[in-house]
């Protein structure tokens, strides 16, 4: 893996422990948060109305979830996690579902490092949005993980289809093995019955959108770093879905867990080469999605 820039994710992750020391949970939580995702590559300073000196760390205000919709548009970019119905290891906001695995630490740390790598002007914190929320289209990109536990409602199916038809880009991550693939594919066939899911080879421009990536790595959860996998006999694959004009509108990271590398990049237990790869893939997917 050859990087295009001198400073890479391997350097940025060392600031995570300090930068996240002031993280906290908000008591006023709601599952649907809205905002406006636009002008991704702007490098302007935060609006002068934000007084960063009043906060416990260098990041901007961690707004109560109920207030984010009232401040929509303050930041040009939000790292947005898709909220969908289903089942899984962990729920959030009082409900069950696999969508909330690694939430919110993975999202927060991803934004800390990404803002140092890409220099985007984005909201520093997590931003979960339901697939059934009409405001989903205000965001250009959503992140959807653990889709082996997905069981979308009809409203969520319609919301995801409308989002992608409108030009939205979807990043899928962290699901393993044939059973979980079957669950994911079943749900995608409800969205697009006839649209094929195909391999995204290393010749695709997404692999050179910001960093040059010349191989696909299998990124494990932190508890599986010794054997480097969560599924014996499973090999990492990158697949995608294209629209009728040949635009890549969904990138599917299968048999790998980029989000866990984002979440645990500051841990001495986590292999630096894998967290570096995960952050480089994340940067490439976002830069490609926001520039195509």
Foldseek 3Di string as FASTA:
>chain_A
DFFPDPDFLLVQLQCLVVQCPQDDDDPQADQAAFAAAAPFQDQDDQPPVWDCVVDDHNATDPDHRVCRNVVHPSWNAAAEAEDFDFADDDDPPPDHDDSQVLPPLLVQLLLSSLCVQRVTGYHNGYGYHYLLDPRPLSHQEYEGEPQLGGDGDPSSLVSVLVNLVVQHAYEYFYDADDSSVVSNVVSVCSNPVPFDKAFDDLVDCLCVLRTNDDDDAAADALVCQVVSFDDPPTDWTWIFTADPVRHTRYIHTYRHHLSNLSNCVNPPSGDSVRSRVSSSSVSSVVSVSNVD
